[in-house]
Amino acid sequence: MTRSSALRGLALSLALFLAGCLTVGRDFPADQVGQIQIGKTTRDDVHRMFGEPWRTGIEDGRRTWTYGRYRYKLFGATETLDLVVRFDPNGVVASYTFNSAPPLDGSL
């Protein structure tokens, strides 16, 4: 490792420490999760509601899209929103999972 790259890494670490938080992923309209209908909502519908997924993948042979925002704080509670949508071979929602921490108002 060169001295300049080590200094950049140290500067980045110091900036994150001073800021006290790190955010991974991106915001998405969590209030629209209730509009997802298993067996009816299509991939195009999900894209219109939430935009580009943060991650894509395969789970149990099914295409998955993940929308997530994970805000880690040095001081205070971590805040997370996580939506994983699983599609059938026809591009229709087969299942989905939504989690938040702390819980959203009215979610219990």
PDB file of N, CA and C in Angstrom:
ATOM      1  N   MET A   1       0.856  -1.163   0.000  1.00  0.00           N
ATOM      2  CA  MET A   1       0.000   0.000   0.000  1.00  0.00           C
ATOM      3  C   MET A   1       0.906   1.232   0.000  1.00  0.00           C
ATOM      4  N   THR A   2       0.574   2.179  -0.855  1.00  0.00           N
ATOM      5  CA  THR A   2       1.375   3.399  -0.905  1.00  0.00           C
ATOM      6  C   THR A   2       0.972   4.316   0.235  1.00  0.00           C
ATOM      7  N   ARG A   3       1.857   5.233   0.527  1.00  0.00           N
ATOM      8  CA  ARG A   3       1.591   6.174   1.620  1.00  0.00           C
ATOM      9  C   ARG A   3       0.348   7.021   1.328  1.00  0.00           C
ATOM     10  N   SER A   4       0.192   7.453   0.063  1.00  0.00           N
ATOM     11  CA  SER A   4      -0.967   8.297  -0.268  1.00  0.00           C
ATOM     12  C   SER A   4      -2.280   7.532  -0.154  1.00  0.00           C
ATOM     13  N   SER A   5      -2.299   6.249  -0.559  1.00  0.00           N
ATOM     14  CA  SER A   5      -3.547   5.485  -0.422  1.00  0.00           C
ATOM     15  C   SER A   5      -3.839   5.187   1.049  1.00  0.00           C
ATOM     16  N   ALA A   6      -2.815   4.985   1.851  1.00  0.00           N
ATOM     17  CA  ALA A   6      -3.020   4.780   3.284  1.00  0.00           C
ATOM     18  C   ALA A   6      -3.575   6.044   3.926  1.00  0.00           C
ATOM     19  N   LEU A   7      -3.085   7.205   3.512  1.00  0.00           N
ATOM     20  CA  LEU A   7      -3.595   8.473   4.050  1.00  0.00           C
ATOM     21  C   LEU A   7      -5.039   8.715   3.623  1.00  0.00           C
ATOM     22  N   ARG A   8      -5.373   8.348   2.377  1.00  0.00           N
ATOM     23  CA  ARG A   8      -6.764   8.500   1.915  1.00  0.00           C
ATOM     24  C   ARG A   8      -7.684   7.595   2.731  1.00  0.00           C
ATOM     25  N   GLY A   9      -7.250   6.356   2.978  1.00  0.00           N
ATOM     26  CA  GLY A   9      -8.043   5.436   3.789  1.00  0.00           C
ATOM     27  C   GLY A   9      -8.240   5.945   5.203  1.00  0.00           C
ATOM     28  N   LEU A  10      -7.184   6.496   5.783  1.00  0.00           N
ATOM     29  CA  LEU A  10      -7.277   7.060   7.123  1.00  0.00           C
ATOM     30  C   LEU A  10      -8.212   8.263   7.139  1.00  0.00           C
ATOM     31  N   ALA A  11      -8.128   9.114   6.124  1.00  0.00           N
ATOM     32  CA  ALA A  11      -8.995  10.289   6.037  1.00  0.00           C
ATOM     33  C   ALA A  11     -10.459   9.873   5.906  1.00  0.00           C
ATOM     34  N   LEU A  12     -10.720   8.851   5.088  1.00  0.00           N
ATOM     35  CA  LEU A  12     -12.093   8.358   4.931  1.00  0.00           C
ATOM     36  C   LEU A  12     -12.614   7.779   6.237  1.00  0.00           C
ATOM     37  N   SER A  13     -11.807   6.990   6.911  1.00  0.00           N
ATOM     38  CA  SER A  13     -12.209   6.417   8.201  1.00  0.00           C
ATOM     39  C   SER A  13     -12.487   7.506   9.219  1.00  0.00           C
ATOM     40  N   LEU A  14     -11.651   8.514   9.255  1.00  0.00           N
ATOM     41  CA  LEU A  14     -11.843   9.624  10.188  1.00  0.00           C
ATOM     42  C   LEU A  14     -13.115  10.386   9.862  1.00  0.00           C
ATOM     43  N   ALA A  15     -13.381  10.616   8.589  1.00  0.00           N
ATOM     44  CA  ALA A  15     -14.601  11.328   8.184  1.00  0.00           C
ATOM     45  C   ALA A  15     -15.845  10.541   8.594  1.00  0.00           C
ATOM     46  N   LEU A  16     -15.835   9.216   8.366  1.00  0.00           N
ATOM     47  CA  LEU A  16     -16.979   8.387   8.765  1.00  0.00           C
ATOM     48  C   LEU A  16     -17.157   8.396  10.280  1.00  0.00           C
ATOM     49  N   PHE A  17     -16.051   8.341  11.010  1.00  0.00           N
ATOM     50  CA  PHE A  17     -16.127   8.368  12.465  1.00  0.00           C
ATOM     51  C   PHE A  17     -16.717   9.686  12.948  1.00  0.00           C
ATOM     52  N   LEU A  18     -16.256  10.772  12.376  1.00  0.00           N
ATOM     53  CA  LEU A  18     -16.752  12.086  12.794  1.00  0.00           C
ATOM     54  C   LEU A  18     -18.209  12.288  12.386  1.00  0.00           C
ATOM     55  N   ALA A  19     -18.577  11.767  11.233  1.00  0.00           N
ATOM     56  CA  ALA A  19     -19.972  11.880  10.793  1.00  0.00           C
ATOM     57  C   ALA A  19     -20.871  11.013  11.659  1.00  0.00           C
ATOM     58  N   GLY A  20     -20.337   9.924  12.159  1.00  0.00           N
ATOM     59  CA  GLY A  20     -21.086   9.071  13.079  1.00  0.00           C
ATOM     60  C   GLY A  20     -22.081   8.150  12.418  1.00  0.00           C
ATOM     61  N   CYS A  21     -22.119   8.106  11.081  1.00  0.00           N
ATOM     62  CA  CYS A  21     -23.043   7.164  10.454  1.00  0.00           C
ATOM     63  C   CYS A  21     -22.536   6.783   9.072  1.00  0.00           C
ATOM     64  N   LEU A  22     -23.049   5.650   8.601  1.00  0.00           N
ATOM     65  CA  LEU A  22     -22.731   5.130   7.281  1.00  0.00           C
ATOM     66  C   LEU A  22     -24.037   4.608   6.699  1.00  0.00           C
ATOM     67  N   THR A  23     -24.361   5.026   5.481  1.00  0.00           N
ATOM     68  CA  THR A  23     -25.572   4.558   4.821  1.00  0.00           C
ATOM     69  C   THR A  23     -25.191   3.709   3.622  1.00  0.00           C
ATOM     70  N   VAL A  24     -25.831   2.539   3.540  1.00  0.00           N
ATOM     71  CA  VAL A  24     -25.624   1.614   2.430  1.00  0.00           C
ATOM     72  C   VAL A  24     -26.986   1.405   1.782  1.00  0.00           C
ATOM     73  N   GLY A  25     -27.002   1.270   0.458  1.00  0.00           N
ATOM     74  CA  GLY A  25     -28.259   1.110  -0.263  1.00  0.00           C
ATOM     75  C   GLY A  25     -28.816   2.460  -0.638  1.00  0.00           C
ATOM     76  N   ARG A  26     -30.127   2.510  -0.857  1.00  0.00           N
ATOM     77  CA  ARG A  26     -30.759   3.787  -1.206  1.00  0.00           C
ATOM     78  C   ARG A  26     -32.214   3.795  -0.770  1.00  0.00           C
ATOM     79  N   ASP A  27     -32.736   4.992  -0.612  1.00  0.00           N
ATOM     80  CA  ASP A  27     -34.123   5.137  -0.188  1.00  0.00           C
ATOM     81  C   ASP A  27     -35.080   4.580  -1.237  1.00  0.00           C
ATOM     82  N   PHE A  28     -36.214   4.114  -0.781  1.00  0.00           N
ATOM     83  CA  PHE A  28     -37.294   3.680  -1.662  1.00  0.00           C
ATOM     84  C   PHE A  28     -38.598   3.970  -0.927  1.00  0.00           C
ATOM     85  N   PRO A  29     -39.711   4.117  -1.656  1.00  0.00           N
ATOM     86  CA  PRO A  29     -40.984   4.472  -1.022  1.00  0.00           C
ATOM     87  C   PRO A  29     -41.605   3.291  -0.267  1.00  0.00           C
ATOM     88  N   ALA A  30     -41.197   3.100   0.978  1.00  0.00           N
ATOM     89  CA  ALA A  30     -41.663   1.970   1.790  1.00  0.00           C
ATOM     90  C   ALA A  30     -43.171   2.003   1.991  1.00  0.00           C
ATOM     91  N   ASP A  31     -43.781   3.174   1.905  1.00  0.00           N
ATOM     92  CA  ASP A  31     -45.231   3.269   2.099  1.00  0.00           C
ATOM     93  C   ASP A  31     -46.013   2.584   0.974  1.00  0.00           C
ATOM     94  N   GLN A  32     -45.347   2.210  -0.120  1.00  0.00           N
ATOM     95  CA  GLN A  32     -46.020   1.538  -1.231  1.00  0.00           C
ATOM     96  C   GLN A  32     -45.950   0.013  -1.160  1.00  0.00           C
ATOM     97  N   VAL A  33     -45.271  -0.523  -0.156  1.00  0.00           N
ATOM     98  CA  VAL A  33     -45.128  -1.987  -0.044  1.00  0.00           C
ATOM     99  C   VAL A  33     -46.499  -2.664   0.006  1.00  0.00           C
ATOM    100  N   GLY A  34     -47.453  -2.054   0.669  1.00  0.00           N
ATOM    101  CA  GLY A  34     -48.790  -2.631   0.782  1.00  0.00           C
ATOM    102  C   GLY A  34     -49.513  -2.787  -0.545  1.00  0.00           C
ATOM    103  N   GLN A  35     -49.021  -2.155  -1.603  1.00  0.00           N
ATOM    104  CA  GLN A  35     -49.653  -2.257  -2.923  1.00  0.00           C
ATOM    105  C   GLN A  35     -49.227  -3.521  -3.675  1.00  0.00           C
ATOM    106  N   ILE A  36     -48.198  -4.200  -3.197  1.00  0.00           N
ATOM    107  CA  ILE A  36     -47.735  -5.422  -3.857  1.00  0.00           C
ATOM    108  C   ILE A  36     -48.771  -6.529  -3.633  1.00  0.00           C
ATOM    109  N   GLN A  37     -49.165  -7.184  -4.714  1.00  0.00           N
ATOM    110  CA  GLN A  37     -50.124  -8.289  -4.627  1.00  0.00           C
ATOM    111  C   GLN A  37     -49.475  -9.555  -5.192  1.00  0.00           C
ATOM    112  N   ILE A  38     -49.330 -10.554  -4.329  1.00  0.00           N
ATOM    113  CA  ILE A  38     -48.757 -11.831  -4.758  1.00  0.00           C
ATOM    114  C   ILE A  38     -49.652 -12.436  -5.837  1.00  0.00           C
ATOM    115  N   GLY A  39     -49.032 -12.883  -6.920  1.00  0.00           N
ATOM    116  CA  GLY A  39     -49.768 -13.491  -8.025  1.00  0.00           C
ATOM    117  C   GLY A  39     -50.350 -12.491  -9.006  1.00  0.00           C
ATOM    118  N   LYS A  40     -50.234 -11.185  -8.743  1.00  0.00           N
ATOM    119  CA  LYS A  40     -50.801 -10.164  -9.638  1.00  0.00           C
ATOM    120  C   LYS A  40     -49.783  -9.102 -10.049  1.00  0.00           C
ATOM    121  N   THR A  41     -49.003  -8.616  -9.104  1.00  0.00           N
ATOM    122  CA  THR A  41     -48.069  -7.535  -9.392  1.00  0.00           C
ATOM    123  C   THR A  41     -46.915  -8.061 -10.247  1.00  0.00           C
ATOM    124  N   THR A  42     -46.604  -7.344 -11.336  1.00  0.00           N
ATOM    125  CA  THR A  42     -45.548  -7.777 -12.248  1.00  0.00           C
ATOM    126  C   THR A  42     -44.223  -7.076 -11.938  1.00  0.00           C
ATOM    127  N   ARG A  43     -43.163  -7.558 -12.585  1.00  0.00           N
ATOM    128  CA  ARG A  43     -41.852  -6.916 -12.458  1.00  0.00           C
ATOM    129  C   ARG A  43     -41.930  -5.457 -12.892  1.00  0.00           C
ATOM    130  N   ASP A  44     -42.652  -5.187 -13.986  1.00  0.00           N
ATOM    131  CA  ASP A  44     -42.805  -3.800 -14.446  1.00  0.00           C
ATOM    132  C   ASP A  44     -43.518  -2.955 -13.398  1.00  0.00           C
ATOM    133  N   ASP A  45     -44.544  -3.518 -12.745  1.00  0.00           N
ATOM    134  CA  ASP A  45     -45.259  -2.792 -11.688  1.00  0.00           C
ATOM    135  C   ASP A  45     -44.307  -2.450 -10.541  1.00  0.00           C
ATOM    136  N   VAL A  46     -43.513  -3.442 -10.127  1.00  0.00           N
ATOM    137  CA  VAL A  46     -42.566  -3.227  -9.026  1.00  0.00           C
ATOM    138  C   VAL A  46     -41.559  -2.152  -9.409  1.00  0.00           C
ATOM    139  N   HIS A  47     -41.084  -2.189 -10.641  1.00  0.00           N
ATOM    140  CA  HIS A  47     -40.132  -1.179 -11.112  1.00  0.00           C
ATOM    141  C   HIS A  47     -40.760   0.209 -11.083  1.00  0.00           C
ATOM    142  N   ARG A  48     -42.022   0.316 -11.504  1.00  0.00           N
ATOM    143  CA  ARG A  48     -42.711   1.619 -11.465  1.00  0.00           C
ATOM    144  C   ARG A  48     -42.874   2.122 -10.027  1.00  0.00           C
ATOM    145  N   MET A  49     -43.172   1.214  -9.103  1.00  0.00           N
ATOM    146  CA  MET A  49     -43.392   1.607  -7.701  1.00  0.00           C
ATOM    147  C   MET A  49     -42.107   1.996  -6.987  1.00  0.00           C
ATOM    148  N   PHE A  50     -41.028   1.237  -7.219  1.00  0.00           N
ATOM    149  CA  PHE A  50     -39.827   1.386  -6.398  1.00  0.00           C
ATOM    150  C   PHE A  50     -38.571   1.786  -7.167  1.00  0.00           C
ATOM    151  N   GLY A  51     -38.616   1.768  -8.494  1.00  0.00           N
ATOM    152  CA  GLY A  51     -37.436   2.115  -9.281  1.00  0.00           C
ATOM    153  C   GLY A  51     -36.489   0.939  -9.415  1.00  0.00           C
ATOM    154  N   GLU A  52     -35.237   1.264  -9.770  1.00  0.00           N
ATOM    155  CA  GLU A  52     -34.221   0.228  -9.936  1.00  0.00           C
ATOM    156  C   GLU A  52     -33.920  -0.440  -8.595  1.00  0.00           C
ATOM    157  N   PRO A  53     -33.833  -1.763  -8.568  1.00  0.00           N
ATOM    158  CA  PRO A  53     -33.470  -2.427  -7.313  1.00  0.00           C
ATOM    159  C   PRO A  53     -32.019  -2.120  -6.941  1.00  0.00           C
ATOM    160  N   TRP A  54     -31.742  -2.176  -5.656  1.00  0.00           N
ATOM    161  CA  TRP A  54     -30.386  -1.959  -5.160  1.00  0.00           C
ATOM    162  C   TRP A  54     -29.523  -3.181  -5.461  1.00  0.00           C
ATOM    163  N   ARG A  55     -30.121  -4.371  -5.349  1.00  0.00           N
ATOM    164  CA  ARG A  55     -29.429  -5.627  -5.657  1.00  0.00           C
ATOM    165  C   ARG A  55     -30.390  -6.531  -6.409  1.00  0.00           C
ATOM    166  N   THR A  56     -29.838  -7.419  -7.213  1.00  0.00           N
ATOM    167  CA  THR A  56     -30.643  -8.460  -7.863  1.00  0.00           C
ATOM    168  C   THR A  56     -29.951  -9.791  -7.639  1.00  0.00           C
ATOM    169  N   GLY A  57     -30.716 -10.861  -7.737  1.00  0.00           N
ATOM    170  CA  GLY A  57     -30.108 -12.163  -7.545  1.00  0.00           C
ATOM    171  C   GLY A  57     -31.090 -13.284  -7.808  1.00  0.00           C
ATOM    172  N   ILE A  58     -30.712 -14.476  -7.368  1.00  0.00           N
ATOM    173  CA  ILE A  58     -31.523 -15.678  -7.506  1.00  0.00           C
ATOM    174  C   ILE A  58     -31.633 -16.332  -6.132  1.00  0.00           C
ATOM    175  N   GLU A  59     -32.842 -16.676  -5.735  1.00  0.00           N
ATOM    176  CA  GLU A  59     -33.080 -17.381  -4.473  1.00  0.00           C
ATOM    177  C   GLU A  59     -34.003 -18.553  -4.772  1.00  0.00           C
ATOM    178  N   ASP A  60     -33.564 -19.761  -4.468  1.00  0.00           N
ATOM    179  CA  ASP A  60     -34.347 -20.968  -4.748  1.00  0.00           C
ATOM    180  C   ASP A  60     -34.822 -21.004  -6.201  1.00  0.00           C
ATOM    181  N   GLY A  61     -33.963 -20.568  -7.114  1.00  0.00           N
ATOM    182  CA  GLY A  61     -34.284 -20.594  -8.535  1.00  0.00           C
ATOM    183  C   GLY A  61     -35.155 -19.450  -9.012  1.00  0.00           C
ATOM    184  N   ARG A  62     -35.535 -18.552  -8.115  1.00  0.00           N
ATOM    185  CA  ARG A  62     -36.394 -17.415  -8.486  1.00  0.00           C
ATOM    186  C   ARG A  62     -35.600 -16.122  -8.513  1.00  0.00           C
ATOM    187  N   ARG A  63     -35.877 -15.308  -9.522  1.00  0.00           N
ATOM    188  CA  ARG A  63     -35.244 -13.994  -9.607  1.00  0.00           C
ATOM    189  C   ARG A  63     -35.701 -13.147  -8.415  1.00  0.00           C
ATOM    190  N   THR A  64     -34.770 -12.453  -7.799  1.00  0.00           N
ATOM    191  CA  THR A  64     -35.104 -11.584  -6.663  1.00  0.00           C
ATOM    192  C   THR A  64     -34.587 -10.175  -6.911  1.00  0.00           C
ATOM    193  N   TRP A  65     -35.348  -9.220  -6.429  1.00  0.00           N
ATOM    194  CA  TRP A  65     -34.931  -7.822  -6.421  1.00  0.00           C
ATOM    195  C   TRP A  65     -34.944  -7.379  -4.967  1.00  0.00           C
ATOM    196  N   THR A  66     -33.900  -6.694  -4.565  1.00  0.00           N
ATOM    197  CA  THR A  66     -33.811  -6.177  -3.205  1.00  0.00           C
ATOM    198  C   THR A  66     -33.738  -4.658  -3.232  1.00  0.00           C
ATOM    199  N   TYR A  67     -34.589  -4.058  -2.420  1.00  0.00           N
ATOM    200  CA  TYR A  67     -34.568  -2.619  -2.183  1.00  0.00           C
ATOM    201  C   TYR A  67     -34.180  -2.466  -0.718  1.00  0.00           C
ATOM    202  N   GLY A  68     -33.190  -1.678  -0.446  1.00  0.00           N
ATOM    203  CA  GLY A  68     -32.766  -1.565   0.941  1.00  0.00           C
ATOM    204  C   GLY A  68     -32.039  -0.272   1.237  1.00  0.00           C
ATOM    205  N   ARG A  69     -32.206   0.173   2.452  1.00  0.00           N
ATOM    206  CA  ARG A  69     -31.428   1.292   2.987  1.00  0.00           C
ATOM    207  C   ARG A  69     -31.043   0.908   4.407  1.00  0.00           C
ATOM    208  N   TYR A  70     -29.751   0.911   4.641  1.00  0.00           N
ATOM    209  CA  TYR A  70     -29.224   0.486   5.927  1.00  0.00           C
ATOM    210  C   TYR A  70     -28.375   1.635   6.458  1.00  0.00           C
ATOM    211  N   ARG A  71     -28.827   2.279   7.521  1.00  0.00           N
ATOM    212  CA  ARG A  71     -28.122   3.423   8.093  1.00  0.00           C
ATOM    213  C   ARG A  71     -27.550   3.011   9.446  1.00  0.00           C
ATOM    214  N   TYR A  72     -26.234   2.867   9.475  1.00  0.00           N
ATOM    215  CA  TYR A  72     -25.535   2.458  10.684  1.00  0.00           C
ATOM    216  C   TYR A  72     -25.003   3.701  11.376  1.00  0.00           C
ATOM    217  N   LYS A  73     -25.261   3.816  12.672  1.00  0.00           N
ATOM    218  CA  LYS A  73     -24.855   4.997  13.427  1.00  0.00           C
ATOM    219  C   LYS A  73     -23.863   4.619  14.511  1.00  0.00           C
ATOM    220  N   LEU A  74     -22.907   5.489  14.704  1.00  0.00           N
ATOM    221  CA  LEU A  74     -21.950   5.305  15.789  1.00  0.00           C
ATOM    222  C   LEU A  74     -22.652   5.525  17.127  1.00  0.00           C
ATOM    223  N   PHE A  75     -23.526   6.525  17.149  1.00  0.00           N
ATOM    224  CA  PHE A  75     -24.305   6.833  18.347  1.00  0.00           C
ATOM    225  C   PHE A  75     -25.775   6.749  17.981  1.00  0.00           C
ATOM    226  N   GLY A  76     -26.540   5.938  18.669  1.00  0.00           N
ATOM    227  CA  GLY A  76     -27.960   5.795  18.379  1.00  0.00           C
ATOM    228  C   GLY A  76     -28.252   4.486  17.672  1.00  0.00           C
ATOM    229  N   ALA A  77     -29.536   4.264  17.436  1.00  0.00           N
ATOM    230  CA  ALA A  77     -30.003   3.004  16.856  1.00  0.00           C
ATOM    231  C   ALA A  77     -29.765   2.950  15.353  1.00  0.00           C
ATOM    232  N   THR A  78     -29.435   1.776  14.860  1.00  0.00           N
ATOM    233  CA  THR A  78     -29.327   1.531  13.424  1.00  0.00           C
ATOM    234  C   THR A  78     -30.728   1.576  12.829  1.00  0.00           C
ATOM    235  N   GLU A  79     -30.852   2.152  11.644  1.00  0.00           N
ATOM    236  CA  GLU A  79     -32.140   2.235  10.956  1.00  0.00           C
ATOM    237  C   GLU A  79     -32.041   1.448   9.661  1.00  0.00           C
ATOM    238  N   THR A  80     -32.963   0.510   9.459  1.00  0.00           N
ATOM    239  CA  THR A  80     -32.930  -0.288   8.241  1.00  0.00           C
ATOM    240  C   THR A  80     -34.319  -0.410   7.625  1.00  0.00           C
ATOM    241  N   LEU A  81     -34.353  -0.450   6.308  1.00  0.00           N
ATOM    242  CA  LEU A  81     -35.535  -0.790   5.528  1.00  0.00           C
ATOM    243  C   LEU A  81     -35.072  -1.818   4.515  1.00  0.00           C
ATOM    244  N   ASP A  82     -35.805  -2.913   4.387  1.00  0.00           N
ATOM    245  CA  ASP A  82     -35.367  -4.000   3.528  1.00  0.00           C
ATOM    246  C   ASP A  82     -36.584  -4.643   2.878  1.00  0.00           C
ATOM    247  N   LEU A  83     -36.633  -4.609   1.545  1.00  0.00           N
ATOM    248  CA  LEU A  83     -37.705  -5.245   0.786  1.00  0.00           C
ATOM    249  C   LEU A  83     -37.065  -6.206  -0.208  1.00  0.00           C
ATOM    250  N   VAL A  84     -37.430  -7.482  -0.123  1.00  0.00           N
ATOM    251  CA  VAL A  84     -36.954  -8.493  -1.074  1.00  0.00           C
ATOM    252  C   VAL A  84     -38.185  -9.026  -1.801  1.00  0.00           C
ATOM    253  N   VAL A  85     -38.188  -8.885  -3.128  1.00  0.00           N
ATOM    254  CA  VAL A  85     -39.306  -9.337  -3.953  1.00  0.00           C
ATOM    255  C   VAL A  85     -38.832 -10.519  -4.790  1.00  0.00           C
ATOM    256  N   ARG A  86     -39.597 -11.629  -4.748  1.00  0.00           N
ATOM    257  CA  ARG A  86     -39.276 -12.836  -5.494  1.00  0.00           C
ATOM    258  C   ARG A  86     -40.308 -13.003  -6.612  1.00  0.00           C
ATOM    259  N   PHE A  87     -39.809 -13.234  -7.834  1.00  0.00           N
ATOM    260  CA  PHE A  87     -40.682 -13.341  -9.003  1.00  0.00           C
ATOM    261  C   PHE A  87     -40.759 -14.777  -9.504  1.00  0.00           C
ATOM    262  N   ASP A  88     -41.935 -15.151 -10.034  1.00  0.00           N
ATOM    263  CA  ASP A  88     -42.077 -16.465 -10.661  1.00  0.00           C
ATOM    264  C   ASP A  88     -41.477 -16.401 -12.078  1.00  0.00           C
ATOM    265  N   PRO A  89     -41.440 -17.527 -12.803  1.00  0.00           N
ATOM    266  CA  PRO A  89     -40.836 -17.522 -14.145  1.00  0.00           C
ATOM    267  C   PRO A  89     -41.521 -16.574 -15.130  1.00  0.00           C
ATOM    268  N   ASN A  90     -42.771 -16.189 -14.863  1.00  0.00           N
ATOM    269  CA  ASN A  90     -43.500 -15.269 -15.741  1.00  0.00           C
ATOM    270  C   ASN A  90     -43.295 -13.806 -15.367  1.00  0.00           C
ATOM    271  N   GLY A  91     -42.468 -13.532 -14.347  1.00  0.00           N
ATOM    272  CA  GLY A  91     -42.218 -12.153 -13.949  1.00  0.00           C
ATOM    273  C   GLY A  91     -43.294 -11.561 -13.059  1.00  0.00           C
ATOM    274  N   VAL A  92     -44.041 -12.424 -12.377  1.00  0.00           N
ATOM    275  CA  VAL A  92     -45.092 -11.991 -11.452  1.00  0.00           C
ATOM    276  C   VAL A  92     -44.604 -12.256 -10.028  1.00  0.00           C
ATOM    277  N   VAL A  93     -44.968 -11.393  -9.094  1.00  0.00           N
ATOM    278  CA  VAL A  93     -44.516 -11.540  -7.714  1.00  0.00           C
ATOM    279  C   VAL A  93     -45.014 -12.866  -7.143  1.00  0.00           C
ATOM    280  N   ALA A  94     -44.066 -13.697  -6.694  1.00  0.00           N
ATOM    281  CA  ALA A  94     -44.392 -14.978  -6.056  1.00  0.00           C
ATOM    282  C   ALA A  94     -44.448 -14.809  -4.546  1.00  0.00           C
ATOM    283  N   SER A  95     -43.580 -13.929  -4.002  1.00  0.00           N
ATOM    284  CA  SER A  95     -43.572 -13.626  -2.575  1.00  0.00           C
ATOM    285  C   SER A  95     -42.701 -12.404  -2.361  1.00  0.00           C
ATOM    286  N   TYR A  96     -42.819 -11.840  -1.167  1.00  0.00           N
ATOM    287  CA  TYR A  96     -41.940 -10.731  -0.805  1.00  0.00           C
ATOM    288  C   TYR A  96     -41.798 -10.684   0.703  1.00  0.00           C
ATOM    289  N   THR A  97     -40.725 -10.034   1.138  1.00  0.00           N
ATOM    290  CA  THR A  97     -40.454  -9.844   2.556  1.00  0.00           C
ATOM    291  C   THR A  97     -40.108  -8.385   2.772  1.00  0.00           C
ATOM    292  N   PHE A  98     -40.710  -7.771   3.791  1.00  0.00           N
ATOM    293  CA  PHE A  98     -40.396  -6.381   4.132  1.00  0.00           C
ATOM    294  C   PHE A  98     -40.083  -6.311   5.620  1.00  0.00           C
ATOM    295  N   ASN A  99     -38.962  -5.682   5.944  1.00  0.00           N
ATOM    296  CA  ASN A  99     -38.549  -5.515   7.347  1.00  0.00           C
ATOM    297  C   ASN A  99     -38.081  -4.081   7.556  1.00  0.00           C
ATOM    298  N   SER A 100     -38.292  -3.597   8.787  1.00  0.00           N
ATOM    299  CA  SER A 100     -37.770  -2.277   9.154  1.00  0.00           C
ATOM    300  C   SER A 100     -37.339  -2.304  10.604  1.00  0.00           C
ATOM    301  N   ALA A 101     -36.312  -1.542  10.879  1.00  0.00           N
ATOM    302  CA  ALA A 101     -35.846  -1.378  12.257  1.00  0.00           C
ATOM    303  C   ALA A 101     -35.410   0.063  12.404  1.00  0.00           C
ATOM    304  N   PRO A 102     -35.930   0.784  13.377  1.00  0.00           N
ATOM    305  CA  PRO A 102     -37.037   0.369  14.236  1.00  0.00           C
ATOM    306  C   PRO A 102     -38.311   0.204  13.420  1.00  0.00           C
ATOM    307  N   PRO A 103     -39.322  -0.493  13.987  1.00  0.00           N
ATOM    308  CA  PRO A 103     -40.563  -0.718  13.257  1.00  0.00           C
ATOM    309  C   PRO A 103     -41.195   0.600  12.823  1.00  0.00           C
ATOM    310  N   LEU A 104     -41.814   0.596  11.623  1.00  0.00           N
ATOM    311  CA  LEU A 104     -42.520   1.768  11.138  1.00  0.00           C
ATOM    312  C   LEU A 104     -43.833   1.920  11.899  1.00  0.00           C
ATOM    313  N   ASP A 105     -44.317   3.133  12.001  1.00  0.00           N
ATOM    314  CA  ASP A 105     -45.608   3.370  12.660  1.00  0.00           C
ATOM    315  C   ASP A 105     -46.689   2.536  11.995  1.00  0.00           C
ATOM    316  N   GLY A 106     -47.508   1.885  12.776  1.00  0.00           N
ATOM    317  CA  GLY A 106     -48.617   1.099  12.265  1.00  0.00           C
ATOM    318  C   GLY A 106     -48.221  -0.250  11.704  1.00  0.00           C
ATOM    319  N   SER A 107     -46.961  -0.656  11.853  1.00  0.00           N
ATOM    320  CA  SER A 107     -46.553  -1.932  11.265  1.00  0.00           C
ATOM    321  C   SER A 107     -46.760  -3.112  12.203  1.00  0.00           C
ATOM    322  N   LEU A 108     -47.096  -2.853  13.442  1.00  0.00           N
ATOM    323  CA  LEU A 108     -47.308  -3.968  14.377  1.00  0.00           C
ATOM    324  C   LEU A 108     -48.769  -4.256  14.538  1.00  0.00           C
TER     325      LEU A 108
END
